[in-house]
Amino acid sequence: MSQLVISYQADDPLAQSFQRQLTQWAGRHWDFPTLKFHNQRPNVAFETHQAARLRRQFKADLKASQRLLVMISRETWQSQWADWEISQATQRDKRLLATKLDTPNIAPMALLATDSVWVPPFDPLGLTQ
């Protein structure tokens, strides 16, 4: 099946749990998308030379995919990386999926300005539609 790029906060326990669930689901179901995870808060500042490698890798992964899933954690709305990933997906006409891992989490403005599809959290089947 196709590739799914997932933007998530690696240090968020709920995001880690969902990542494990998705990875297990993909391992058990041959028709589930191939998963590529990208941290919304890498240990590299966005505007540095070291960040260029991460941006190139994301663009390559996005090019090979049809969709980007943005897992919305507590600090996603403040992530310059998440905003950039959303804009890259929009520019490339990729389907945007979004899920809130906790009700009070705030979606990034870049996501709200798109025609994204909201999927229920912790529902892998929602990602195959």
Protein backbone atom coordinates (compact mmCIF):
# COMPACT_ATOMS: atom_id res chain seq x y z
CA MET A 1 0.00 0.00 0.00
CA SER A 2 1.02 3.65 0.05
CA GLN A 3 3.27 5.46 2.47
CA LEU A 4 1.91 7.59 5.30
CA VAL A 5 4.08 10.30 6.82
CA ILE A 6 3.27 11.01 10.45
CA SER A 7 4.23 14.23 12.21
CA TYR A 8 4.28 13.69 15.97
CA GLN A 9 5.95 14.81 19.20
CA ALA A 10 8.27 11.98 20.15
CA ASP A 11 8.41 13.08 23.80
CA ASP A 12 4.61 13.01 24.29
CA PRO A 13 3.50 9.76 26.04
CA LEU A 14 0.18 9.67 24.14
CA ALA A 15 1.99 10.15 20.82
CA GLN A 16 4.43 7.38 21.76
CA SER A 17 1.52 5.08 22.56
CA PHE A 18 -0.21 5.85 19.25
CA GLN A 19 3.08 5.38 17.39
CA ARG A 20 3.48 1.90 18.93
CA GLN A 21 -0.12 1.03 18.09
CA LEU A 22 0.28 2.14 14.47
CA THR A 23 3.57 0.28 14.09
CA GLN A 24 2.00 -2.92 15.46
CA TRP A 25 -1.05 -2.48 13.25
CA ALA A 26 1.12 -2.00 10.16
CA GLY A 27 3.07 -5.14 11.05
CA ARG A 28 -0.10 -7.24 11.25
CA HIS A 29 -1.99 -5.89 8.22
CA TRP A 30 -0.40 -6.13 4.79
CA ASP A 31 -2.75 -3.50 3.33
CA PHE A 32 -1.86 -0.84 5.93
CA PRO A 33 0.32 2.05 4.71
CA THR A 34 4.07 2.03 5.18
CA LEU A 35 4.79 4.47 8.04
CA LYS A 36 7.41 7.23 8.26
CA PHE A 37 7.52 9.16 11.53
CA HIS A 38 8.85 12.72 11.83
CA ASN A 39 9.39 14.44 15.16
CA GLN A 40 7.74 17.87 15.47
CA ARG A 41 10.38 18.82 18.02
CA PRO A 42 13.76 17.48 16.88
CA ASN A 43 16.89 18.41 18.82
CA VAL A 44 17.87 20.72 15.97
CA ALA A 45 16.73 24.34 15.68
CA PHE A 46 14.66 24.96 12.55
CA GLU A 47 16.88 27.69 11.06
CA THR A 48 20.24 25.93 11.34
CA HIS A 49 22.52 24.21 8.88
CA GLN A 50 21.92 20.87 10.63
CA ALA A 51 18.17 21.26 10.06
CA ALA A 52 18.63 21.26 6.29
CA ARG A 53 19.27 17.50 6.35
CA LEU A 54 16.03 16.90 8.27
CA ARG A 55 14.08 19.10 5.84
CA ARG A 56 15.52 17.20 2.84
CA GLN A 57 14.58 13.87 4.43
CA PHE A 58 11.05 15.06 5.15
CA LYS A 59 10.62 16.29 1.57
CA ALA A 60 11.81 12.93 0.23
CA ASP A 61 9.44 11.03 2.51
CA LEU A 62 6.57 13.34 1.60
CA LYS A 63 7.28 12.94 -2.10
CA ALA A 64 6.95 9.16 -1.74
CA SER A 65 3.69 9.45 0.19
CA GLN A 66 0.11 10.31 -0.52
CA ARG A 67 -0.80 11.60 2.94
CA LEU A 68 0.49 13.42 6.00
CA LEU A 69 -1.01 12.71 9.41
CA VAL A 70 -0.47 15.42 12.01
CA MET A 71 -0.80 14.09 15.56
CA ILE A 72 -1.79 17.09 17.65
CA SER A 73 -0.12 17.03 21.03
CA ARG A 74 0.00 19.68 23.75
CA GLU A 75 2.72 21.77 22.05
CA THR A 76 2.07 21.05 18.36
CA TRP A 77 0.51 24.47 17.86
CA GLN A 78 3.88 26.04 18.76
CA SER A 79 5.98 23.80 16.52
CA GLN A 80 7.70 25.60 13.67
CA TRP A 81 8.50 22.15 12.26
CA ALA A 82 4.82 21.11 12.23
CA ASP A 83 3.80 24.33 10.46
CA TRP A 84 6.52 23.79 7.87
CA GLU A 85 5.53 20.14 7.33
CA ILE A 86 1.89 21.16 6.82
CA SER A 87 2.87 23.85 4.31
CA GLN A 88 5.09 21.38 2.42
CA ALA A 89 2.23 18.87 2.21
CA THR A 90 -0.19 21.56 1.06
CA GLN A 91 2.20 22.79 -1.64
CA ARG A 92 2.54 19.22 -2.95
CA ASP A 93 -1.24 18.55 -2.88
CA LYS A 94 -0.90 15.76 -0.34
CA ARG A 95 -3.94 14.70 1.62
CA LEU A 96 -3.77 16.08 5.16
CA LEU A 97 -5.08 14.04 8.06
CA ALA A 98 -5.21 15.28 11.63
CA THR A 99 -5.97 13.79 15.00
CA LYS A 100 -6.07 15.35 18.46
CA LEU A 101 -4.50 13.07 21.04
CA ASP A 102 -6.19 14.95 23.88
CA THR A 103 -9.24 17.22 23.73
CA PRO A 104 -7.61 20.44 25.06
CA ASN A 105 -4.73 20.27 22.55
CA ILE A 106 -4.69 23.21 20.15
CA ALA A 107 -4.31 22.61 16.42
CA PRO A 108 -1.66 24.66 14.59
CA MET A 109 -2.98 27.59 12.57
CA ALA A 110 -1.37 26.19 9.41
CA LEU A 111 -3.55 23.08 9.73
CA LEU A 112 -6.76 25.00 10.33
CA ALA A 113 -6.22 26.87 7.06
CA THR A 114 -6.27 23.61 5.06
CA ASP A 115 -8.89 21.15 3.93
CA SER A 116 -7.70 18.48 6.34
CA VAL A 117 -9.60 15.34 7.28
CA TRP A 118 -9.98 14.76 11.02
CA VAL A 119 -9.67 11.15 12.10
CA PRO A 120 -10.45 9.73 15.53
CA PRO A 121 -7.38 9.22 17.71
CA PHE A 122 -6.15 5.67 18.22
CA ASP A 123 -8.20 4.42 15.26
CA PRO A 124 -5.84 2.91 12.70
CA LEU A 125 -8.73 2.02 10.39
CA GLY A 126 -9.52 5.73 10.00
CA LEU A 127 -6.14 6.17 8.33
CA THR A 128 -6.91 3.74 5.52
CA GLN A 129 -10.02 5.55 4.28
